[in-house]
Amino acid sequence: MYNIDMEELHIPVLLSEVLAGLKPRKGESYLDLTAGYGGHASKILDVTQDYKDSVLIDRDEFAVNYLKQKFPREIEIKNTDFYSAVLQLIECGKTFDMILADFGVSSPQLDMEERGFSFRAKGPLDMRMDQSQFLTADRIVNSFGEMELAEIFIKFGEEKPGRAKMLAREIVHHRPVKSTEELTDIILSKSKYSKTHPAARIFQAIRIVVNDELGEIEKTLPLLPRLLNQGGRIGIITFHSLEDRLVKDYFKEASSFGEESEIKIINKKPITAGNQELVINPRARSAKLRLAQRN
């Protein structure tokens, strides 16, 4: 359906930092909770060479189909959300030496107009990572009440209340909104340009609600130590403060019980992209990597 070269399009963020933090070794098992198009996984598995004990997960059907072509058949690839996958893996008694989660939207998702994630291109109001689900951006934009929209923009877009209410009112007034371009135009008509595109926070808020992104993370984090072998490492990449706060708070709590703690934090401050990476991949500018190890 999409005639795109994923190898050219998808650049894994913080790749060298992930490799340095997870320290993969030959024979180690690996779990990727958001494998996407395999950018991180391919480099880690090149080192470990352990395909039969490793698992790749993604809720995006297009990404999963690509992964199945990219990797050997012996590796297990699951097409589901990472919370459901984690529950399944725990039930099966699986454990791993490394776990990675990259909570960002992949470059192919952003760049495919048909997916409706981007405010920079005309596409349908979709934004679903799992295209089998019922809730879409269209349903939120064209069906939710004005107050409900404003609350979403405040809570998940971190918009100021006055601006959130004004934009919600404008969106309701212009219904039906038929495309990402129309939604962006409504926002731009009531905005002044700044460092951040005026539509960025609104699109982020809608996308988070469509995919229950924060709910998935919050439910999954406390389960991850059960999937780690002793001494196993976990790396989590986030792209905005709401995600990072959840990870930071969980790591802090889980490591606060002295010798009884489930994990210990490897890096107290999040790792961010260097200037060299930012030149090649500007989308890495908001990425933060946090690392921990199973006690």
C-alpha atoms as a PDB file:
ATOM      1  CA  MET A   1       0.000   0.000   0.000  1.00  0.00           C
ATOM      2  CA  TYR A   2       2.826   2.412   0.860  1.00  0.00           C
ATOM      3  CA  ASN A   3       5.668   2.561  -1.629  1.00  0.00           C
ATOM      4  CA  ILE A   4       8.288   3.823   0.799  1.00  0.00           C
ATOM      5  CA  ASP A   5      11.835   2.653   1.503  1.00  0.00           C
ATOM      6  CA  MET A   6      11.713   2.157   5.277  1.00  0.00           C
ATOM      7  CA  GLU A   7      15.477   1.791   5.558  1.00  0.00           C
ATOM      8  CA  GLU A   8      15.856   5.301   4.134  1.00  0.00           C
ATOM      9  CA  LEU A   9      12.922   6.782   6.009  1.00  0.00           C
ATOM     10  CA  HIS A  10      13.302   5.462   9.545  1.00  0.00           C
ATOM     11  CA  ILE A  11      16.294   6.646  11.557  1.00  0.00           C
ATOM     12  CA  PRO A  12      16.357   5.162  15.084  1.00  0.00           C
ATOM     13  CA  VAL A  13      16.885   7.864  17.694  1.00  0.00           C
ATOM     14  CA  LEU A  14      19.685   7.762  20.273  1.00  0.00           C
ATOM     15  CA  LEU A  15      21.023   4.563  18.700  1.00  0.00           C
ATOM     16  CA  SER A  16      24.596   4.816  19.981  1.00  0.00           C
ATOM     17  CA  GLU A  17      23.319   5.816  23.426  1.00  0.00           C
ATOM     18  CA  VAL A  18      20.948   2.845  23.524  1.00  0.00           C
ATOM     19  CA  LEU A  19      23.754   0.453  22.589  1.00  0.00           C
ATOM     20  CA  ALA A  20      26.065   1.985  25.202  1.00  0.00           C
ATOM     21  CA  GLY A  21      23.372   1.809  27.879  1.00  0.00           C
ATOM     22  CA  LEU A  22      21.978  -1.662  27.231  1.00  0.00           C
ATOM     23  CA  LYS A  23      25.439  -3.152  26.564  1.00  0.00           C
ATOM     24  CA  PRO A  24      24.239  -6.087  24.432  1.00  0.00           C
ATOM     25  CA  ARG A  25      26.426  -9.204  24.479  1.00  0.00           C
ATOM     26  CA  LYS A  26      26.398 -12.287  22.308  1.00  0.00           C
ATOM     27  CA  GLY A  27      23.786 -14.824  23.368  1.00  0.00           C
ATOM     28  CA  GLU A  28      21.616 -12.381  25.321  1.00  0.00           C
ATOM     29  CA  SER A  29      17.843 -12.227  24.881  1.00  0.00           C
ATOM     30  CA  TYR A  30      16.084  -9.028  23.845  1.00  0.00           C
ATOM     31  CA  LEU A  31      12.531  -7.691  24.085  1.00  0.00           C
ATOM     32  CA  ASP A  32      11.533  -4.674  21.994  1.00  0.00           C
ATOM     33  CA  LEU A  33       8.150  -3.350  23.127  1.00  0.00           C
ATOM     34  CA  THR A  34       7.825  -0.885  20.233  1.00  0.00           C
ATOM     35  CA  ALA A  35       9.918  -2.424  17.477  1.00  0.00           C
ATOM     36  CA  GLY A  36       8.591  -0.172  14.706  1.00  0.00           C
ATOM     37  CA  TYR A  37      10.715  -0.751  11.623  1.00  0.00           C
ATOM     38  CA  GLY A  38      13.513  -2.506  13.483  1.00  0.00           C
ATOM     39  CA  GLY A  39      16.117   0.245  13.647  1.00  0.00           C
ATOM     40  CA  HIS A  40      17.205  -0.403  17.235  1.00  0.00           C
ATOM     41  CA  ALA A  41      16.426  -4.128  17.113  1.00  0.00           C
ATOM     42  CA  SER A  42      18.593  -4.851  14.093  1.00  0.00           C
ATOM     43  CA  LYS A  43      21.705  -3.305  15.690  1.00  0.00           C
ATOM     44  CA  ILE A  44      21.160  -5.046  19.024  1.00  0.00           C
ATOM     45  CA  LEU A  45      20.450  -8.417  17.422  1.00  0.00           C
ATOM     46  CA  ASP A  46      23.523  -8.027  15.210  1.00  0.00           C
ATOM     47  CA  VAL A  47      25.473  -8.201  18.472  1.00  0.00           C
ATOM     48  CA  THR A  48      23.489 -10.814  20.412  1.00  0.00           C
ATOM     49  CA  GLN A  49      22.709 -13.150  17.489  1.00  0.00           C
ATOM     50  CA  ASP A  50      19.997 -14.622  19.764  1.00  0.00           C
ATOM     51  CA  TYR A  51      16.873 -14.591  17.635  1.00  0.00           C
ATOM     52  CA  LYS A  52      15.046 -17.575  19.123  1.00  0.00           C
ATOM     53  CA  ASP A  53      14.890 -16.070  22.644  1.00  0.00           C
ATOM     54  CA  SER A  54      14.050 -12.527  21.533  1.00  0.00           C
ATOM     55  CA  VAL A  55      10.652 -10.938  20.899  1.00  0.00           C
ATOM     56  CA  LEU A  56       9.627  -7.907  18.824  1.00  0.00           C
ATOM     57  CA  ILE A  57       6.296  -6.181  19.453  1.00  0.00           C
ATOM     58  CA  ASP A  58       4.366  -3.499  17.611  1.00  0.00           C
ATOM     59  CA  ARG A  59       0.676  -2.606  17.437  1.00  0.00           C
ATOM     60  CA  ASP A  60       1.034  -1.188  13.914  1.00  0.00           C
ATOM     61  CA  GLU A  61       0.168  -3.836  11.319  1.00  0.00           C
ATOM     62  CA  PHE A  62       2.314  -2.191   8.645  1.00  0.00           C
ATOM     63  CA  ALA A  63       5.358  -2.181  10.904  1.00  0.00           C
ATOM     64  CA  VAL A  64       4.817  -5.827  11.838  1.00  0.00           C
ATOM     65  CA  ASN A  65       4.574  -6.886   8.206  1.00  0.00           C
ATOM     66  CA  TYR A  66       7.857  -5.096   7.547  1.00  0.00           C
ATOM     67  CA  LEU A  67       9.537  -6.725  10.572  1.00  0.00           C
ATOM     68  CA  LYS A  68       8.505 -10.180   9.361  1.00  0.00           C
ATOM     69  CA  GLN A  69      10.288  -9.533   6.084  1.00  0.00           C
ATOM     70  CA  LYS A  70      13.342  -7.983   7.728  1.00  0.00           C
ATOM     71  CA  PHE A  71      14.166 -10.550  10.447  1.00  0.00           C
ATOM     72  CA  PRO A  72      14.704 -14.342  10.454  1.00  0.00           C
ATOM     73  CA  ARG A  73      11.621 -16.513  10.959  1.00  0.00           C
ATOM     74  CA  GLU A  74      12.896 -17.844  14.285  1.00  0.00           C
ATOM     75  CA  ILE A  75      12.302 -14.522  16.034  1.00  0.00           C
ATOM     76  CA  GLU A  76       8.854 -14.056  17.591  1.00  0.00           C
ATOM     77  CA  ILE A  77       6.999 -10.977  16.335  1.00  0.00           C
ATOM     78  CA  LYS A  78       3.740  -9.935  18.015  1.00  0.00           C
ATOM     79  CA  ASN A  79       1.155  -7.602  16.481  1.00  0.00           C
ATOM     80  CA  THR A  80      -0.445  -6.137  19.614  1.00  0.00           C
ATOM     81  CA  ASP A  81      -0.126  -3.261  22.055  1.00  0.00           C
ATOM     82  CA  PHE A  82       2.799  -3.550  24.445  1.00  0.00           C
ATOM     83  CA  TYR A  83       0.671  -3.817  27.594  1.00  0.00           C
ATOM     84  CA  SER A  84      -1.197  -6.866  26.262  1.00  0.00           C
ATOM     85  CA  ALA A  85       2.087  -8.358  25.048  1.00  0.00           C
ATOM     86  CA  VAL A  86       3.726  -7.890  28.452  1.00  0.00           C
ATOM     87  CA  LEU A  87       0.823  -9.675  30.163  1.00  0.00           C
ATOM     88  CA  GLN A  88       1.127 -12.572  27.690  1.00  0.00           C
ATOM     89  CA  LEU A  89       4.887 -12.844  28.170  1.00  0.00           C
ATOM     90  CA  ILE A  90       4.576 -12.831  31.971  1.00  0.00           C
ATOM     91  CA  GLU A  91       1.944 -15.552  31.786  1.00  0.00           C
ATOM     92  CA  CYS A  92       4.319 -17.631  29.640  1.00  0.00           C
ATOM     93  CA  GLY A  93       7.132 -17.124  32.168  1.00  0.00           C
ATOM     94  CA  LYS A  94       9.439 -15.387  29.697  1.00  0.00           C
ATOM     95  CA  THR A  95      12.357 -13.243  30.858  1.00  0.00           C
ATOM     96  CA  PHE A  96      14.960 -11.206  28.987  1.00  0.00           C
ATOM     97  CA  ASP A  97      18.413  -9.704  29.395  1.00  0.00           C
ATOM     98  CA  MET A  98      17.379  -6.436  27.742  1.00  0.00           C
ATOM     99  CA  ILE A  99      14.129  -4.537  27.225  1.00  0.00           C
ATOM    100  CA  LEU A 100      13.739  -1.438  25.060  1.00  0.00           C
ATOM    101  CA  ALA A 101      10.700   0.792  24.605  1.00  0.00           C
ATOM    102  CA  ASP A 102      10.684   3.757  22.223  1.00  0.00           C
ATOM    103  CA  PHE A 103       7.428   5.577  22.899  1.00  0.00           C
ATOM    104  CA  GLY A 104       7.678   7.997  19.976  1.00  0.00           C
ATOM    105  CA  VAL A 105       5.631   7.956  16.789  1.00  0.00           C
ATOM    106  CA  SER A 106       7.789   6.437  14.054  1.00  0.00           C
ATOM    107  CA  SER A 107       8.971   8.502  11.103  1.00  0.00           C
ATOM    108  CA  PRO A 108       6.992   6.366   8.617  1.00  0.00           C
ATOM    109  CA  GLN A 109       3.805   6.976  10.600  1.00  0.00           C
ATOM    110  CA  LEU A 110       4.408  10.716  10.536  1.00  0.00           C
ATOM    111  CA  ASP A 111       5.436  10.805   6.887  1.00  0.00           C
ATOM    112  CA  MET A 112       2.618   8.681   5.479  1.00  0.00           C
ATOM    113  CA  GLU A 113      -0.152  11.160   4.715  1.00  0.00           C
ATOM    114  CA  GLU A 114      -2.669   8.314   4.753  1.00  0.00           C
ATOM    115  CA  ARG A 115      -2.083   7.724   8.478  1.00  0.00           C
ATOM    116  CA  GLY A 116      -3.161  11.223   9.490  1.00  0.00           C
ATOM    117  CA  PHE A 117      -0.548  11.782  12.203  1.00  0.00           C
ATOM    118  CA  SER A 118       1.072  14.916  10.801  1.00  0.00           C
ATOM    119  CA  PHE A 119      -0.091  18.525  10.805  1.00  0.00           C
ATOM    120  CA  ARG A 120       2.344  19.182   7.939  1.00  0.00           C
ATOM    121  CA  ALA A 121       0.467  17.126   5.323  1.00  0.00           C
ATOM    122  CA  LYS A 122      -3.110  16.611   4.187  1.00  0.00           C
ATOM    123  CA  GLY A 123      -4.546  13.296   5.326  1.00  0.00           C
ATOM    124  CA  PRO A 124      -7.561  11.726   7.002  1.00  0.00           C
ATOM    125  CA  LEU A 125      -8.161  12.394  10.694  1.00  0.00           C
ATOM    126  CA  ASP A 126      -7.000   8.930  11.731  1.00  0.00           C
ATOM    127  CA  MET A 127      -3.881   8.769  14.003  1.00  0.00           C
ATOM    128  CA  ARG A 128      -4.459   5.126  14.983  1.00  0.00           C
ATOM    129  CA  MET A 129      -1.357   3.051  15.635  1.00  0.00           C
ATOM    130  CA  ASP A 130      -3.638  -0.002  15.622  1.00  0.00           C
ATOM    131  CA  GLN A 131      -5.842   0.439  12.586  1.00  0.00           C
ATOM    132  CA  SER A 132      -8.341  -2.160  13.751  1.00  0.00           C
ATOM    133  CA  GLN A 133      -9.535  -0.051  16.677  1.00  0.00           C
ATOM    134  CA  PHE A 134     -12.756   1.985  16.734  1.00  0.00           C
ATOM    135  CA  LEU A 135     -11.567   5.337  18.082  1.00  0.00           C
ATOM    136  CA  THR A 136     -10.010   7.702  15.528  1.00  0.00           C
ATOM    137  CA  ALA A 137      -9.000  11.348  15.503  1.00  0.00           C
ATOM    138  CA  ASP A 138     -12.069  12.010  13.349  1.00  0.00           C
ATOM    139  CA  ARG A 139     -14.387  10.767  16.103  1.00  0.00           C
ATOM    140  CA  ILE A 140     -12.666  12.955  18.676  1.00  0.00           C
ATOM    141  CA  VAL A 141     -12.570  16.104  16.527  1.00  0.00           C
ATOM    142  CA  ASN A 142     -16.114  15.793  15.179  1.00  0.00           C
ATOM    143  CA  SER A 143     -18.012  14.104  18.032  1.00  0.00           C
ATOM    144  CA  PHE A 144     -16.532  15.145  21.386  1.00  0.00           C
ATOM    145  CA  GLY A 145     -18.066  18.097  23.205  1.00  0.00           C
ATOM    146  CA  GLU A 146     -16.395  21.504  23.406  1.00  0.00           C
ATOM    147  CA  MET A 147     -15.485  21.145  27.091  1.00  0.00           C
ATOM    148  CA  GLU A 148     -14.191  17.603  26.550  1.00  0.00           C
ATOM    149  CA  LEU A 149     -11.952  18.791  23.695  1.00  0.00           C
ATOM    150  CA  ALA A 150     -10.611  21.632  25.833  1.00  0.00           C
ATOM    151  CA  GLU A 151      -9.801  19.223  28.674  1.00  0.00           C
ATOM    152  CA  ILE A 152      -7.932  16.953  26.245  1.00  0.00           C
ATOM    153  CA  PHE A 153      -5.888  19.887  24.912  1.00  0.00           C
ATOM    154  CA  ILE A 154      -5.008  21.006  28.451  1.00  0.00           C
ATOM    155  CA  LYS A 155      -4.223  17.578  29.900  1.00  0.00           C
ATOM    156  CA  PHE A 156      -2.489  15.892  26.984  1.00  0.00           C
ATOM    157  CA  GLY A 157      -1.289  18.849  24.918  1.00  0.00           C
ATOM    158  CA  GLU A 158      -0.313  20.993  27.897  1.00  0.00           C
ATOM    159  CA  GLU A 159      -2.040  23.951  26.294  1.00  0.00           C
ATOM    160  CA  LYS A 160      -2.970  26.968  28.407  1.00  0.00           C
ATOM    161  CA  PRO A 161      -6.638  26.742  29.492  1.00  0.00           C
ATOM    162  CA  GLY A 162      -7.719  29.922  27.714  1.00  0.00           C
ATOM    163  CA  ARG A 163      -6.181  28.896  24.405  1.00  0.00           C
ATOM    164  CA  ALA A 164      -7.446  25.310  24.750  1.00  0.00           C
ATOM    165  CA  LYS A 165     -11.031  26.509  25.249  1.00  0.00           C
ATOM    166  CA  MET A 166     -10.769  28.956  22.343  1.00  0.00           C
ATOM    167  CA  LEU A 167      -9.443  26.278  19.953  1.00  0.00           C
ATOM    168  CA  ALA A 168     -12.067  23.764  21.081  1.00  0.00           C
ATOM    169  CA  ARG A 169     -14.776  26.344  20.365  1.00  0.00           C
ATOM    170  CA  GLU A 170     -13.345  27.048  16.897  1.00  0.00           C
ATOM    171  CA  ILE A 171     -13.142  23.361  16.023  1.00  0.00           C
ATOM    172  CA  VAL A 172     -16.750  22.740  17.068  1.00  0.00           C
ATOM    173  CA  HIS A 173     -17.854  25.823  15.081  1.00  0.00           C
ATOM    174  CA  HIS A 174     -16.163  24.529  11.892  1.00  0.00           C
ATOM    175  CA  ARG A 175     -17.501  20.979  12.019  1.00  0.00           C
ATOM    176  CA  PRO A 176     -17.378  18.728  10.143  1.00  0.00           C
ATOM    177  CA  VAL A 177     -13.580  18.894   9.984  1.00  0.00           C
ATOM    178  CA  LYS A 178     -12.627  16.485   7.211  1.00  0.00           C
ATOM    179  CA  SER A 179      -8.818  16.344   7.163  1.00  0.00           C
ATOM    180  CA  THR A 180      -5.594  17.064   9.038  1.00  0.00           C
ATOM    181  CA  GLU A 181      -5.124  20.071   6.749  1.00  0.00           C
ATOM    182  CA  GLU A 182      -8.502  21.538   7.718  1.00  0.00           C
ATOM    183  CA  LEU A 183      -7.764  21.038  11.419  1.00  0.00           C
ATOM    184  CA  THR A 184      -4.354  22.675  11.050  1.00  0.00           C
ATOM    185  CA  ASP A 185      -5.872  25.625   9.180  1.00  0.00           C
ATOM    186  CA  ILE A 186      -8.424  26.182  11.971  1.00  0.00           C
ATOM    187  CA  ILE A 187      -5.627  26.226  14.553  1.00  0.00           C
ATOM    188  CA  LEU A 188      -3.402  28.503  12.437  1.00  0.00           C
ATOM    189  CA  SER A 189      -6.238  31.003  11.919  1.00  0.00           C
ATOM    190  CA  LYS A 190      -6.211  31.632  15.684  1.00  0.00           C
ATOM    191  CA  SER A 191      -2.462  31.408  16.292  1.00  0.00           C
ATOM    192  CA  LYS A 192       0.785  33.275  16.135  1.00  0.00           C
ATOM    193  CA  TYR A 193       3.874  31.377  15.018  1.00  0.00           C
ATOM    194  CA  SER A 194       6.424  30.479  17.650  1.00  0.00           C
ATOM    195  CA  LYS A 195       9.348  28.048  17.929  1.00  0.00           C
ATOM    196  CA  THR A 196       6.834  25.210  18.104  1.00  0.00           C
ATOM    197  CA  HIS A 197       4.247  24.835  15.345  1.00  0.00           C
ATOM    198  CA  PRO A 198       0.879  26.064  16.707  1.00  0.00           C
ATOM    199  CA  ALA A 199      -0.798  22.751  15.829  1.00  0.00           C
ATOM    200  CA  ALA A 200       1.823  20.512  17.451  1.00  0.00           C
ATOM    201  CA  ARG A 201       0.286  20.370  20.930  1.00  0.00           C
ATOM    202  CA  ILE A 202      -3.242  19.824  19.621  1.00  0.00           C
ATOM    203  CA  PHE A 203      -2.181  16.963  17.357  1.00  0.00           C
ATOM    204  CA  GLN A 204      -0.163  15.445  20.211  1.00  0.00           C
ATOM    205  CA  ALA A 205      -3.152  15.608  22.549  1.00  0.00           C
ATOM    206  CA  ILE A 206      -5.530  13.986  20.057  1.00  0.00           C
ATOM    207  CA  ARG A 207      -2.998  11.262  19.179  1.00  0.00           C
ATOM    208  CA  ILE A 208      -2.413  10.421  22.846  1.00  0.00           C
ATOM    209  CA  VAL A 209      -6.140   9.972  23.421  1.00  0.00           C
ATOM    210  CA  VAL A 210      -6.686   7.957  20.231  1.00  0.00           C
ATOM    211  CA  ASN A 211      -3.986   5.472  21.231  1.00  0.00           C
ATOM    212  CA  ASP A 212      -4.337   5.681  25.046  1.00  0.00           C
ATOM    213  CA  GLU A 213      -0.589   6.227  25.073  1.00  0.00           C
ATOM    214  CA  LEU A 214      -0.154   7.380  28.664  1.00  0.00           C
ATOM    215  CA  GLY A 215      -2.540   4.737  30.008  1.00  0.00           C
ATOM    216  CA  GLU A 216      -0.561   2.004  28.251  1.00  0.00           C
ATOM    217  CA  ILE A 217       2.717   3.277  29.688  1.00  0.00           C
ATOM    218  CA  GLU A 218       1.354   3.683  33.213  1.00  0.00           C
ATOM    219  CA  LYS A 219      -0.024   0.124  33.279  1.00  0.00           C
ATOM    220  CA  THR A 220       3.070  -1.431  31.710  1.00  0.00           C
ATOM    221  CA  LEU A 221       5.954   0.111  33.667  1.00  0.00           C
ATOM    222  CA  PRO A 222       5.378  -1.729  36.994  1.00  0.00           C
ATOM    223  CA  LEU A 223       5.281  -5.075  35.160  1.00  0.00           C
ATOM    224  CA  LEU A 224       8.635  -4.772  33.388  1.00  0.00           C
ATOM    225  CA  PRO A 225      10.925  -6.000  36.227  1.00  0.00           C
ATOM    226  CA  ARG A 226       9.064  -9.328  36.100  1.00  0.00           C
ATOM    227  CA  LEU A 227      10.325  -9.748  32.535  1.00  0.00           C
ATOM    228  CA  LEU A 228      13.971  -8.974  33.341  1.00  0.00           C
ATOM    229  CA  ASN A 229      16.621 -11.487  34.310  1.00  0.00           C
ATOM    230  CA  GLN A 230      18.808 -10.548  37.259  1.00  0.00           C
ATOM    231  CA  GLY A 231      21.205  -7.886  36.013  1.00  0.00           C
ATOM    232  CA  GLY A 232      18.979  -7.279  32.994  1.00  0.00           C
ATOM    233  CA  ARG A 233      18.851  -3.770  31.538  1.00  0.00           C
ATOM    234  CA  ILE A 234      15.922  -1.665  30.459  1.00  0.00           C
ATOM    235  CA  GLY A 235      15.966   1.433  28.254  1.00  0.00           C
ATOM    236  CA  ILE A 236      12.990   3.716  27.691  1.00  0.00           C
ATOM    237  CA  ILE A 237      12.882   6.556  25.158  1.00  0.00           C
ATOM    238  CA  THR A 238      10.253   9.267  25.563  1.00  0.00           C
ATOM    239  CA  PHE A 239       9.415  12.301  23.435  1.00  0.00           C
ATOM    240  CA  HIS A 240       7.438  14.664  25.644  1.00  0.00           C
ATOM    241  CA  SER A 241       7.247  15.624  29.299  1.00  0.00           C
ATOM    242  CA  LEU A 242       4.079  13.657  30.068  1.00  0.00           C
ATOM    243  CA  GLU A 243       5.727  10.373  29.053  1.00  0.00           C
ATOM    244  CA  ASP A 244       9.062  11.211  30.633  1.00  0.00           C
ATOM    245  CA  ARG A 245       7.437  12.121  33.946  1.00  0.00           C
ATOM    246  CA  LEU A 246       5.751   8.706  34.142  1.00  0.00           C
ATOM    247  CA  VAL A 247       9.046   6.912  33.489  1.00  0.00           C
ATOM    248  CA  LYS A 248      11.046   9.149  35.835  1.00  0.00           C
ATOM    249  CA  ASP A 249       8.543   8.738  38.685  1.00  0.00           C
ATOM    250  CA  TYR A 250       8.307   4.970  38.233  1.00  0.00           C
ATOM    251  CA  PHE A 251      12.092   4.495  38.152  1.00  0.00           C
ATOM    252  CA  LYS A 252      12.447   6.672  41.249  1.00  0.00           C
ATOM    253  CA  GLU A 253       9.789   4.746  43.179  1.00  0.00           C
ATOM    254  CA  ALA A 254      10.956   1.277  42.105  1.00  0.00           C
ATOM    255  CA  SER A 255      14.551   2.046  43.082  1.00  0.00           C
ATOM    256  CA  SER A 256      13.759   3.654  46.460  1.00  0.00           C
ATOM    257  CA  PHE A 257      13.709   0.544  48.696  1.00  0.00           C
ATOM    258  CA  GLY A 258      17.440   0.020  49.133  1.00  0.00           C
ATOM    259  CA  GLU A 259      18.493  -3.597  48.722  1.00  0.00           C
ATOM    260  CA  GLU A 260      14.835  -4.574  48.337  1.00  0.00           C
ATOM    261  CA  SER A 261      14.402  -2.389  45.246  1.00  0.00           C
ATOM    262  CA  GLU A 262      13.388  -4.120  42.019  1.00  0.00           C
ATOM    263  CA  ILE A 263      15.667  -1.926  39.927  1.00  0.00           C
ATOM    264  CA  LYS A 264      18.532   0.521  40.195  1.00  0.00           C
ATOM    265  CA  ILE A 265      18.754   3.609  38.024  1.00  0.00           C
ATOM    266  CA  ILE A 266      21.714   3.711  35.643  1.00  0.00           C
ATOM    267  CA  ASN A 267      21.492   7.376  34.615  1.00  0.00           C
ATOM    268  CA  LYS A 268      20.029   9.913  37.045  1.00  0.00           C
ATOM    269  CA  LYS A 269      19.512  12.471  34.287  1.00  0.00           C
ATOM    270  CA  PRO A 270      17.953  11.549  30.936  1.00  0.00           C
ATOM    271  CA  ILE A 271      20.296  11.094  27.986  1.00  0.00           C
ATOM    272  CA  THR A 272      19.581  13.340  25.009  1.00  0.00           C
ATOM    273  CA  ALA A 273      20.803  13.485  21.422  1.00  0.00           C
ATOM    274  CA  GLY A 274      24.108  15.093  20.546  1.00  0.00           C
ATOM    275  CA  ASN A 275      24.622  17.779  17.922  1.00  0.00           C
ATOM    276  CA  GLN A 276      25.806  15.279  15.311  1.00  0.00           C
ATOM    277  CA  GLU A 277      22.584  13.265  15.534  1.00  0.00           C
ATOM    278  CA  LEU A 278      20.407  16.373  15.533  1.00  0.00           C
ATOM    279  CA  VAL A 279      21.893  17.437  12.190  1.00  0.00           C
ATOM    280  CA  ILE A 280      20.976  14.072  10.658  1.00  0.00           C
ATOM    281  CA  ASN A 281      17.685  13.557  12.512  1.00  0.00           C
ATOM    282  CA  PRO A 282      16.038  16.765  13.837  1.00  0.00           C
ATOM    283  CA  ARG A 283      13.168  14.698  15.296  1.00  0.00           C
ATOM    284  CA  ALA A 284      15.596  13.433  17.942  1.00  0.00           C
ATOM    285  CA  ARG A 285      15.683  16.862  19.600  1.00  0.00           C
ATOM    286  CA  SER A 286      12.923  15.961  22.091  1.00  0.00           C
ATOM    287  CA  ALA A 287      14.018  12.361  22.730  1.00  0.00           C
ATOM    288  CA  LYS A 288      15.099  11.358  26.248  1.00  0.00           C
ATOM    289  CA  LEU A 289      16.577   8.005  27.236  1.00  0.00           C
ATOM    290  CA  ARG A 290      16.347   6.626  30.780  1.00  0.00           C
ATOM    291  CA  LEU A 291      18.098   3.403  31.781  1.00  0.00           C
ATOM    292  CA  ALA A 292      17.732   1.026  34.715  1.00  0.00           C
ATOM    293  CA  GLN A 293      18.974  -2.421  35.759  1.00  0.00           C
ATOM    294  CA  ARG A 294      17.242  -5.311  37.540  1.00  0.00           C
ATOM    295  CA  ASN A 295      18.641  -6.030  40.989  1.00  0.00           C
END
